[in-house]
Amino acid sequence: MKLSRYGDRDGNKIPCIIDSDGIPRDASSFVADFGPHSLSPELLNRLASVDPATLPQVEVAGKRLAPPMAQPLNIWCVGLNYSDHAAEAGLPVPEEPILFNKSTVTYCGPYDDILKSAQMSKLDWEVELGIVIGKPALNISKDQAMDHIAGFVLVNDISERAWQMERSGQWAKGKSFPNFCPTGPFLATKDEFEDVQNLGMWLDVNGKRMQTGNTGTMIFDVATIVSYMSEFTRLEPGDLICTGTPPGVGAGMSPQVWLNEGDKVSLGIDGLGQQSQTVVSLPRS
């Protein structure tokens, strides 16, 4: 099952089930919205029993495609989770998952602009598989992990490397600007995947291929990440976990490449669709 939402950033959203022809169908008769206060195994089971053809078709012309669930309570990230990405960053392969946060103000739709402020100098991209939690998870085993996952999404983990690596402190500083987490176009429930650890992924900048990878080369797989994180915190429904990126980021190139105003970033993962953003500059306030 694939779920999406349409609506302006500050307005009401239309929750949708995407039918077999790719047409969004209005699911608001079953749930007001998809998000932290509604996502649950019970809701997903109820929606899965619905024939989408019986629901009204959503007229999407002129409507913004929103992220596929309401703003999460938490956005978590796993750093250096691909060995070849760690190598290009010149950093050792971690023995345990490296965890950090992105502010929830980063959360935005798959076609929303990437915002570049005048203080940024090293704006970078990262195609990532996102995990969406479906029920609370605290101190669970790896074998239990998949039972706590609602599904998966495509994410662009935008990063300002100068802030991340050169301004002291933790990585969150370079990860938390508004619109630094484009998410979508849809949430695909876990039953959509035969093997989530074998998904091709890619990212282009201005039509040039920068990243090519596969979730099979993750150092810590999806179940390991969820179980590991639940040792330290309680994961909540709707929480988004960005699981790391393959090689090909701008910081890893020689010479390094950074995003500038007008650049277009396009990316995709097998079974999770595609998204694209344009970099726009914000004036110094």
C-alpha atoms as a PDB file:
ATOM      1  CA  MET A   1       0.000   0.000   0.000  1.00  0.00           C
ATOM      2  CA  LYS A   2       1.198   3.495  -0.855  1.00  0.00           C
ATOM      3  CA  LEU A   3       0.063   6.565   1.053  1.00  0.00           C
ATOM      4  CA  SER A   4       0.400  10.224   0.073  1.00  0.00           C
ATOM      5  CA  ARG A   5      -0.932  13.636   1.106  1.00  0.00           C
ATOM      6  CA  TYR A   6      -1.829  16.796  -0.786  1.00  0.00           C
ATOM      7  CA  GLY A   7      -2.133  20.316   0.568  1.00  0.00           C
ATOM      8  CA  ASP A   8      -0.361  23.580   1.283  1.00  0.00           C
ATOM      9  CA  ARG A   9       2.296  23.648   3.969  1.00  0.00           C
ATOM     10  CA  ASP A  10       0.119  25.453   6.507  1.00  0.00           C
ATOM     11  CA  GLY A  11      -3.290  24.177   5.419  1.00  0.00           C
ATOM     12  CA  ASN A  12      -5.291  21.004   5.788  1.00  0.00           C
ATOM     13  CA  LYS A  13      -4.003  17.947   3.969  1.00  0.00           C
ATOM     14  CA  ILE A  14      -5.870  15.277   2.031  1.00  0.00           C
ATOM     15  CA  PRO A  15      -4.673  11.794   3.057  1.00  0.00           C
ATOM     16  CA  CYS A  16      -4.632   9.460   0.061  1.00  0.00           C
ATOM     17  CA  ILE A  17      -4.297   5.810  -0.835  1.00  0.00           C
ATOM     18  CA  ILE A  18      -2.615   5.423  -4.223  1.00  0.00           C
ATOM     19  CA  ASP A  19      -4.458   2.886  -6.378  1.00  0.00           C
ATOM     20  CA  SER A  20      -2.891   0.372  -8.768  1.00  0.00           C
ATOM     21  CA  ASP A  21      -3.008   2.926 -11.594  1.00  0.00           C
ATOM     22  CA  GLY A  22      -1.124   5.494  -9.551  1.00  0.00           C
ATOM     23  CA  ILE A  23      -4.226   7.596  -8.884  1.00  0.00           C
ATOM     24  CA  PRO A  24      -4.526   9.122  -5.383  1.00  0.00           C
ATOM     25  CA  ARG A  25      -7.811   8.303  -3.649  1.00  0.00           C
ATOM     26  CA  ASP A  26      -9.205  10.353  -0.785  1.00  0.00           C
ATOM     27  CA  ALA A  27      -8.949   8.368   2.470  1.00  0.00           C
ATOM     28  CA  SER A  28     -10.222  11.131   4.771  1.00  0.00           C
ATOM     29  CA  SER A  29     -13.384   9.141   5.496  1.00  0.00           C
ATOM     30  CA  PHE A  30     -11.128   6.713   7.394  1.00  0.00           C
ATOM     31  CA  VAL A  31      -8.535   9.027   8.937  1.00  0.00           C
ATOM     32  CA  ALA A  32      -8.155  12.792   9.226  1.00  0.00           C
ATOM     33  CA  ASP A  33      -4.439  12.609   8.454  1.00  0.00           C
ATOM     34  CA  PHE A  34      -1.456  10.260   8.472  1.00  0.00           C
ATOM     35  CA  GLY A  35       0.945  11.109  11.267  1.00  0.00           C
ATOM     36  CA  PRO A  36       2.184  10.664  14.838  1.00  0.00           C
ATOM     37  CA  HIS A  37      -1.314  10.641  16.321  1.00  0.00           C
ATOM     38  CA  SER A  38      -2.877   8.260  13.830  1.00  0.00           C
ATOM     39  CA  LEU A  39      -0.259   5.881  12.419  1.00  0.00           C
ATOM     40  CA  SER A  40      -0.710   2.434  13.915  1.00  0.00           C
ATOM     41  CA  PRO A  41      -0.886  -1.190  12.798  1.00  0.00           C
ATOM     42  CA  GLU A  42      -4.654  -1.008  13.275  1.00  0.00           C
ATOM     43  CA  LEU A  43      -4.996   1.962  10.920  1.00  0.00           C
ATOM     44  CA  LEU A  44      -2.779   0.382   8.280  1.00  0.00           C
ATOM     45  CA  ASN A  45      -4.705  -2.888   8.468  1.00  0.00           C
ATOM     46  CA  ARG A  46      -7.986  -0.997   8.111  1.00  0.00           C
ATOM     47  CA  LEU A  47      -6.730   0.949   5.089  1.00  0.00           C
ATOM     48  CA  ALA A  48      -5.320  -2.213   3.503  1.00  0.00           C
ATOM     49  CA  SER A  49      -8.791  -3.763   3.584  1.00  0.00           C
ATOM     50  CA  VAL A  50     -10.261  -0.890   1.565  1.00  0.00           C
ATOM     51  CA  ASP A  51     -10.714  -1.134  -2.197  1.00  0.00           C
ATOM     52  CA  PRO A  52      -9.187   2.171  -3.362  1.00  0.00           C
ATOM     53  CA  ALA A  53     -11.541   2.209  -6.357  1.00  0.00           C
ATOM     54  CA  THR A  54     -14.415   2.861  -3.930  1.00  0.00           C
ATOM     55  CA  LEU A  55     -12.812   6.108  -2.722  1.00  0.00           C
ATOM     56  CA  PRO A  56     -13.108   9.495  -4.455  1.00  0.00           C
ATOM     57  CA  GLN A  57     -10.334  10.390  -6.860  1.00  0.00           C
ATOM     58  CA  VAL A  58      -8.301  13.407  -5.754  1.00  0.00           C
ATOM     59  CA  GLU A  59      -7.890  16.140  -8.341  1.00  0.00           C
ATOM     60  CA  VAL A  60      -4.229  16.941  -7.908  1.00  0.00           C
ATOM     61  CA  ALA A  61      -3.798  19.608 -10.610  1.00  0.00           C
ATOM     62  CA  GLY A  62      -2.391  22.700  -8.949  1.00  0.00           C
ATOM     63  CA  LYS A  63      -2.139  21.003  -5.562  1.00  0.00           C
ATOM     64  CA  ARG A  64       1.131  20.703  -3.629  1.00  0.00           C
ATOM     65  CA  LEU A  65       2.329  17.168  -2.941  1.00  0.00           C
ATOM     66  CA  ALA A  66       3.023  17.251   0.790  1.00  0.00           C
ATOM     67  CA  PRO A  67       5.292  14.839   2.665  1.00  0.00           C
ATOM     68  CA  PRO A  68       3.431  11.531   3.051  1.00  0.00           C
ATOM     69  CA  MET A  69       2.780  11.877   6.778  1.00  0.00           C
ATOM     70  CA  ALA A  70       2.329  14.839   9.098  1.00  0.00           C
ATOM     71  CA  GLN A  71       5.387  16.356  10.735  1.00  0.00           C
ATOM     72  CA  PRO A  72       7.034  13.703  12.908  1.00  0.00           C
ATOM     73  CA  LEU A  73       7.804  14.202  16.564  1.00  0.00           C
ATOM     74  CA  ASN A  74      11.404  13.202  15.853  1.00  0.00           C
ATOM     75  CA  ILE A  75      13.718  12.961  12.868  1.00  0.00           C
ATOM     76  CA  TRP A  76      16.625  10.633  13.564  1.00  0.00           C
ATOM     77  CA  CYS A  77      19.650   9.996  11.353  1.00  0.00           C
ATOM     78  CA  VAL A  78      22.347   7.359  11.056  1.00  0.00           C
ATOM     79  CA  GLY A  79      25.749   8.668   9.974  1.00  0.00           C
ATOM     80  CA  LEU A  80      28.338   6.884   7.847  1.00  0.00           C
ATOM     81  CA  ASN A  81      26.146   3.818   7.342  1.00  0.00           C
ATOM     82  CA  TYR A  82      27.678   2.851   3.981  1.00  0.00           C
ATOM     83  CA  SER A  83      31.296   1.702   4.083  1.00  0.00           C
ATOM     84  CA  ASP A  84      32.140   3.310   0.738  1.00  0.00           C
ATOM     85  CA  HIS A  85      30.662   6.626   1.901  1.00  0.00           C
ATOM     86  CA  ALA A  86      32.769   6.476   5.075  1.00  0.00           C
ATOM     87  CA  ALA A  87      35.820   5.890   2.870  1.00  0.00           C
ATOM     88  CA  GLU A  88      35.100   8.936   0.688  1.00  0.00           C
ATOM     89  CA  ALA A  89      34.650  11.012   3.854  1.00  0.00           C
ATOM     90  CA  GLY A  90      38.015   9.781   5.123  1.00  0.00           C
ATOM     91  CA  LEU A  91      36.428   8.404   8.281  1.00  0.00           C
ATOM     92  CA  PRO A  92      36.610   4.913   9.822  1.00  0.00           C
ATOM     93  CA  VAL A  93      33.731   2.474   9.470  1.00  0.00           C
ATOM     94  CA  PRO A  94      31.752   2.797  12.717  1.00  0.00           C
ATOM     95  CA  GLU A  95      31.559  -0.131  15.116  1.00  0.00           C
ATOM     96  CA  GLU A  96      28.083   0.977  16.241  1.00  0.00           C
ATOM     97  CA  PRO A  97      25.490   3.150  14.493  1.00  0.00           C
ATOM     98  CA  ILE A  98      26.306   6.869  14.697  1.00  0.00           C
ATOM     99  CA  LEU A  99      23.089   8.650  15.692  1.00  0.00           C
ATOM    100  CA  PHE A 100      22.152  12.309  15.412  1.00  0.00           C
ATOM    101  CA  ASN A 101      19.031  14.440  14.985  1.00  0.00           C
ATOM    102  CA  LYS A 102      17.670  16.784  12.360  1.00  0.00           C
ATOM    103  CA  SER A 103      15.293  19.477  13.560  1.00  0.00           C
ATOM    104  CA  THR A 104      11.702  18.779  12.568  1.00  0.00           C
ATOM    105  CA  VAL A 105      11.604  22.190  10.830  1.00  0.00           C
ATOM    106  CA  THR A 106      13.623  20.497   8.064  1.00  0.00           C
ATOM    107  CA  TYR A 107      10.635  18.328   7.134  1.00  0.00           C
ATOM    108  CA  CYS A 108       9.089  19.260   3.773  1.00  0.00           C
ATOM    109  CA  GLY A 109       7.534  17.864   0.608  1.00  0.00           C
ATOM    110  CA  PRO A 110       9.409  16.034  -2.159  1.00  0.00           C
ATOM    111  CA  TYR A 111       9.214  18.969  -4.584  1.00  0.00           C
ATOM    112  CA  ASP A 112       9.662  21.857  -2.152  1.00  0.00           C
ATOM    113  CA  ASP A 113      12.661  24.122  -2.749  1.00  0.00           C
ATOM    114  CA  ILE A 114      16.019  23.656  -1.037  1.00  0.00           C
ATOM    115  CA  LEU A 115      16.669  26.881   0.877  1.00  0.00           C
ATOM    116  CA  LYS A 116      20.199  28.335   0.748  1.00  0.00           C
ATOM    117  CA  SER A 117      21.077  31.197   3.058  1.00  0.00           C
ATOM    118  CA  ALA A 118      23.837  33.725   2.462  1.00  0.00           C
ATOM    119  CA  GLN A 119      25.811  32.173   5.329  1.00  0.00           C
ATOM    120  CA  MET A 120      26.040  28.774   3.590  1.00  0.00           C
ATOM    121  CA  SER A 121      29.081  27.831   1.542  1.00  0.00           C
ATOM    122  CA  LYS A 122      29.105  24.016   1.274  1.00  0.00           C
ATOM    123  CA  LEU A 123      25.561  22.838   0.569  1.00  0.00           C
ATOM    124  CA  ASP A 124      25.392  19.105  -0.138  1.00  0.00           C
ATOM    125  CA  TRP A 125      22.962  16.292  -0.965  1.00  0.00           C
ATOM    126  CA  GLU A 126      22.332  12.730   0.312  1.00  0.00           C
ATOM    127  CA  VAL A 127      19.827  10.206  -1.078  1.00  0.00           C
ATOM    128  CA  GLU A 128      18.597   8.029   1.791  1.00  0.00           C
ATOM    129  CA  LEU A 129      16.130   5.313   2.697  1.00  0.00           C
ATOM    130  CA  GLY A 130      13.805   6.571   5.426  1.00  0.00           C
ATOM    131  CA  ILE A 131      12.139   4.319   8.003  1.00  0.00           C
ATOM    132  CA  VAL A 132       8.747   5.408   9.378  1.00  0.00           C
ATOM    133  CA  ILE A 133       7.858   3.990  12.787  1.00  0.00           C
ATOM    134  CA  GLY A 134       4.341   2.559  13.143  1.00  0.00           C
ATOM    135  CA  LYS A 135       4.100   1.734  16.844  1.00  0.00           C
ATOM    136  CA  PRO A 136       6.200   2.625  19.904  1.00  0.00           C
ATOM    137  CA  ALA A 137       9.507   0.804  20.186  1.00  0.00           C
ATOM    138  CA  LEU A 138      11.514   0.658  23.411  1.00  0.00           C
ATOM    139  CA  ASN A 139      14.207  -1.918  24.114  1.00  0.00           C
ATOM    140  CA  ILE A 140      13.045  -4.302  21.406  1.00  0.00           C
ATOM    141  CA  SER A 141      15.035  -7.096  19.757  1.00  0.00           C
ATOM    142  CA  LYS A 142      16.139  -7.165  16.162  1.00  0.00           C
ATOM    143  CA  ASP A 143      13.604  -9.915  15.498  1.00  0.00           C
ATOM    144  CA  GLN A 144      10.828  -7.620  16.724  1.00  0.00           C
ATOM    145  CA  ALA A 145      11.944  -4.537  14.805  1.00  0.00           C
ATOM    146  CA  MET A 146       9.920  -4.966  11.622  1.00  0.00           C
ATOM    147  CA  ASP A 147       6.711  -5.224  13.648  1.00  0.00           C
ATOM    148  CA  HIS A 148       7.275  -1.623  14.751  1.00  0.00           C
ATOM    149  CA  ILE A 149       7.795  -0.204  11.248  1.00  0.00           C
ATOM    150  CA  ALA A 150       4.918   1.321   9.276  1.00  0.00           C
ATOM    151  CA  GLY A 151       6.848   1.630   6.036  1.00  0.00           C
ATOM    152  CA  PHE A 152       9.554   3.391   4.096  1.00  0.00           C
ATOM    153  CA  VAL A 153      10.084   6.703   2.309  1.00  0.00           C
ATOM    154  CA  LEU A 154      12.586   8.416   0.048  1.00  0.00           C
ATOM    155  CA  VAL A 155      14.553  11.208   1.755  1.00  0.00           C
ATOM    156  CA  ASN A 156      17.100  13.818   0.671  1.00  0.00           C
ATOM    157  CA  ASP A 157      19.236  14.521   3.751  1.00  0.00           C
ATOM    158  CA  ILE A 158      20.417  18.015   2.790  1.00  0.00           C
ATOM    159  CA  SER A 159      23.566  19.102   4.620  1.00  0.00           C
ATOM    160  CA  GLU A 160      25.566  22.305   5.009  1.00  0.00           C
ATOM    161  CA  ARG A 161      29.033  20.804   5.399  1.00  0.00           C
ATOM    162  CA  ALA A 162      30.805  23.932   6.652  1.00  0.00           C
ATOM    163  CA  TRP A 163      28.343  24.150   9.537  1.00  0.00           C
ATOM    164  CA  GLN A 164      28.473  20.400  10.093  1.00  0.00           C
ATOM    165  CA  MET A 165      32.241  19.890  10.044  1.00  0.00           C
ATOM    166  CA  GLU A 166      33.864  23.274  10.648  1.00  0.00           C
ATOM    167  CA  ARG A 167      31.692  25.076  13.198  1.00  0.00           C
ATOM    168  CA  SER A 168      32.304  22.813  16.238  1.00  0.00           C
ATOM    169  CA  GLY A 169      29.692  20.848  18.141  1.00  0.00           C
ATOM    170  CA  GLN A 170      27.491  18.091  16.796  1.00  0.00           C
ATOM    171  CA  TRP A 171      26.384  17.324  13.243  1.00  0.00           C
ATOM    172  CA  ALA A 172      22.856  18.599  13.878  1.00  0.00           C
ATOM    173  CA  LYS A 173      24.137  22.143  13.278  1.00  0.00           C
ATOM    174  CA  GLY A 174      24.695  21.401   9.581  1.00  0.00           C
ATOM    175  CA  LYS A 175      21.548  19.323   9.161  1.00  0.00           C
ATOM    176  CA  SER A 176      18.732  21.402  10.645  1.00  0.00           C
ATOM    177  CA  PHE A 177      17.931  24.332   8.344  1.00  0.00           C
ATOM    178  CA  PRO A 178      14.328  24.581   7.072  1.00  0.00           C
ATOM    179  CA  ASN A 179      13.589  22.318   4.077  1.00  0.00           C
ATOM    180  CA  PHE A 180      16.700  20.193   4.673  1.00  0.00           C
ATOM    181  CA  CYS A 181      14.606  16.973   4.705  1.00  0.00           C
ATOM    182  CA  PRO A 182      12.479  16.578   1.542  1.00  0.00           C
ATOM    183  CA  THR A 183      10.417  13.419   2.075  1.00  0.00           C
ATOM    184  CA  GLY A 184       8.221  11.398  -0.282  1.00  0.00           C
ATOM    185  CA  PRO A 185       6.517  11.261  -2.749  1.00  0.00           C
ATOM    186  CA  PHE A 186       4.729   8.507  -0.805  1.00  0.00           C
ATOM    187  CA  LEU A 187       5.042   6.165   2.130  1.00  0.00           C
ATOM    188  CA  ALA A 188       5.195   2.528   1.028  1.00  0.00           C
ATOM    189  CA  THR A 189       4.148   0.050   3.686  1.00  0.00           C
ATOM    190  CA  LYS A 190       6.602  -2.731   4.395  1.00  0.00           C
ATOM    191  CA  ASP A 191       4.516  -5.365   2.606  1.00  0.00           C
ATOM    192  CA  GLU A 192       5.405  -3.600  -0.663  1.00  0.00           C
ATOM    193  CA  PHE A 193       8.969  -4.948  -0.439  1.00  0.00           C
ATOM    194  CA  GLU A 194      10.288  -8.438  -0.875  1.00  0.00           C
ATOM    195  CA  ASP A 195      13.667  -7.286   0.455  1.00  0.00           C
ATOM    196  CA  VAL A 196      14.181  -3.721   1.676  1.00  0.00           C
ATOM    197  CA  GLN A 197      17.915  -4.471   1.857  1.00  0.00           C
ATOM    198  CA  ASN A 198      18.158  -4.735  -1.922  1.00  0.00           C
ATOM    199  CA  LEU A 199      16.899  -1.429  -3.296  1.00  0.00           C
ATOM    200  CA  GLY A 200      18.745   0.572  -5.924  1.00  0.00           C
ATOM    201  CA  MET A 201      19.188   4.274  -5.226  1.00  0.00           C
ATOM    202  CA  TRP A 202      20.447   7.254  -7.222  1.00  0.00           C
ATOM    203  CA  LEU A 203      20.791  11.029  -7.231  1.00  0.00           C
ATOM    204  CA  ASP A 204      21.432  13.540 -10.025  1.00  0.00           C
ATOM    205  CA  VAL A 205      22.438  17.195  -9.896  1.00  0.00           C
ATOM    206  CA  ASN A 206      21.476  19.189 -12.992  1.00  0.00           C
ATOM    207  CA  GLY A 207      20.994  15.908 -14.853  1.00  0.00           C
ATOM    208  CA  LYS A 208      24.429  14.497 -13.953  1.00  0.00           C
ATOM    209  CA  ARG A 209      24.526  11.260 -11.984  1.00  0.00           C
ATOM    210  CA  MET A 210      26.272  11.818  -8.657  1.00  0.00           C
ATOM    211  CA  GLN A 211      25.165   8.927  -6.471  1.00  0.00           C
ATOM    212  CA  THR A 212      24.499   5.301  -7.324  1.00  0.00           C
ATOM    213  CA  GLY A 213      24.043   2.748  -4.578  1.00  0.00           C
ATOM    214  CA  ASN A 214      22.033  -0.060  -3.056  1.00  0.00           C
ATOM    215  CA  THR A 215      20.604  -0.532   0.412  1.00  0.00           C
ATOM    216  CA  GLY A 216      22.327  -3.928   0.445  1.00  0.00           C
ATOM    217  CA  THR A 217      25.618  -2.179   1.244  1.00  0.00           C
ATOM    218  CA  MET A 218      24.358  -0.587   4.453  1.00  0.00           C
ATOM    219  CA  ILE A 219      26.649  -1.386   7.373  1.00  0.00           C
ATOM    220  CA  PHE A 220      23.713  -1.596   9.787  1.00  0.00           C
ATOM    221  CA  ASP A 221      20.489  -2.877   8.266  1.00  0.00           C
ATOM    222  CA  VAL A 222      16.970  -1.603   8.926  1.00  0.00           C
ATOM    223  CA  ALA A 223      16.121  -4.064  11.704  1.00  0.00           C
ATOM    224  CA  THR A 224      19.450  -3.498  13.440  1.00  0.00           C
ATOM    225  CA  ILE A 225      18.978   0.277  13.384  1.00  0.00           C
ATOM    226  CA  VAL A 226      15.491   0.179  14.904  1.00  0.00           C
ATOM    227  CA  SER A 227      16.454  -2.321  17.591  1.00  0.00           C
ATOM    228  CA  TYR A 228      19.665  -0.461  18.420  1.00  0.00           C
ATOM    229  CA  MET A 229      17.951   2.914  18.705  1.00  0.00           C
ATOM    230  CA  SER A 230      15.262   1.473  20.953  1.00  0.00           C
ATOM    231  CA  GLU A 231      17.959   0.696  23.509  1.00  0.00           C
ATOM    232  CA  PHE A 232      18.525   4.425  24.036  1.00  0.00           C
ATOM    233  CA  THR A 233      15.129   6.008  23.393  1.00  0.00           C
ATOM    234  CA  ARG A 234      11.486   5.239  22.716  1.00  0.00           C
ATOM    235  CA  LEU A 235      10.712   5.503  19.028  1.00  0.00           C
ATOM    236  CA  GLU A 236       7.250   6.958  18.450  1.00  0.00           C
ATOM    237  CA  PRO A 237       4.676   6.443  15.670  1.00  0.00           C
ATOM    238  CA  GLY A 238       5.485   8.726  12.764  1.00  0.00           C
ATOM    239  CA  ASP A 239       9.152   9.075  13.725  1.00  0.00           C
ATOM    240  CA  LEU A 240      11.399   9.271  10.666  1.00  0.00           C
ATOM    241  CA  ILE A 241      14.798   7.559  10.658  1.00  0.00           C
ATOM    242  CA  CYS A 242      17.160   8.491   7.810  1.00  0.00           C
ATOM    243  CA  THR A 243      19.464   5.515   7.388  1.00  0.00           C
ATOM    244  CA  GLY A 244      22.539   6.942   5.663  1.00  0.00           C
ATOM    245  CA  THR A 245      23.750   7.554   2.134  1.00  0.00           C
ATOM    246  CA  PRO A 246      25.942   5.789  -0.442  1.00  0.00           C
ATOM    247  CA  PRO A 247      29.038   7.471  -1.942  1.00  0.00           C
ATOM    248  CA  GLY A 248      28.862  10.369  -4.356  1.00  0.00           C
ATOM    249  CA  VAL A 249      28.135  13.324  -2.089  1.00  0.00           C
ATOM    250  CA  GLY A 250      29.656  16.661  -3.030  1.00  0.00           C
ATOM    251  CA  ALA A 251      31.982  16.655  -0.020  1.00  0.00           C
ATOM    252  CA  GLY A 252      33.575  13.415  -1.214  1.00  0.00           C
ATOM    253  CA  MET A 253      34.480  14.613  -4.704  1.00  0.00           C
ATOM    254  CA  SER A 254      37.832  15.949  -5.864  1.00  0.00           C
ATOM    255  CA  PRO A 255      37.464  18.826  -6.290  1.00  0.00           C
ATOM    256  CA  GLN A 256      34.475  19.134  -3.997  1.00  0.00           C
ATOM    257  CA  VAL A 257      31.149  20.181  -5.518  1.00  0.00           C
ATOM    258  CA  TRP A 258      28.501  22.276  -3.747  1.00  0.00           C
ATOM    259  CA  LEU A 259      24.944  23.237  -4.562  1.00  0.00           C
ATOM    260  CA  ASN A 260      24.223  26.777  -5.726  1.00  0.00           C
ATOM    261  CA  GLU A 261      21.160  28.830  -6.535  1.00  0.00           C
ATOM    262  CA  GLY A 262      19.249  27.389  -9.495  1.00  0.00           C
ATOM    263  CA  ASP A 263      20.686  23.872  -9.222  1.00  0.00           C
ATOM    264  CA  LYS A 264      18.186  21.025  -9.561  1.00  0.00           C
ATOM    265  CA  VAL A 265      18.524  17.840  -7.506  1.00  0.00           C
ATOM    266  CA  SER A 266      16.641  14.687  -8.552  1.00  0.00           C
ATOM    267  CA  LEU A 267      16.736  11.362  -6.708  1.00  0.00           C
ATOM    268  CA  GLY A 268      14.990   8.022  -6.346  1.00  0.00           C
ATOM    269  CA  ILE A 269      14.931   4.603  -4.709  1.00  0.00           C
ATOM    270  CA  ASP A 270      13.409   1.431  -6.132  1.00  0.00           C
ATOM    271  CA  GLY A 271       9.809   1.108  -4.971  1.00  0.00           C
ATOM    272  CA  LEU A 272       9.793   4.547  -3.343  1.00  0.00           C
ATOM    273  CA  GLY A 273       9.434   6.810  -6.368  1.00  0.00           C
ATOM    274  CA  GLN A 274      11.346   9.949  -7.217  1.00  0.00           C
ATOM    275  CA  GLN A 275      11.590  13.524  -6.000  1.00  0.00           C
ATOM    276  CA  SER A 276      13.274  16.731  -7.157  1.00  0.00           C
ATOM    277  CA  GLN A 277      14.108  20.130  -5.708  1.00  0.00           C
ATOM    278  CA  THR A 278      15.508  23.431  -6.909  1.00  0.00           C
ATOM    279  CA  VAL A 279      17.974  25.428  -4.823  1.00  0.00           C
ATOM    280  CA  VAL A 280      16.723  28.954  -4.056  1.00  0.00           C
ATOM    281  CA  SER A 281      18.609  31.642  -2.180  1.00  0.00           C
ATOM    282  CA  LEU A 282      17.283  33.404   0.890  1.00  0.00           C
ATOM    283  CA  PRO A 283      18.353  37.014   1.443  1.00  0.00           C
ATOM    284  CA  ARG A 284      20.297  37.831   4.598  1.00  0.00           C
ATOM    285  CA  SER A 285      17.815  39.104   7.168  1.00  0.00           C
END
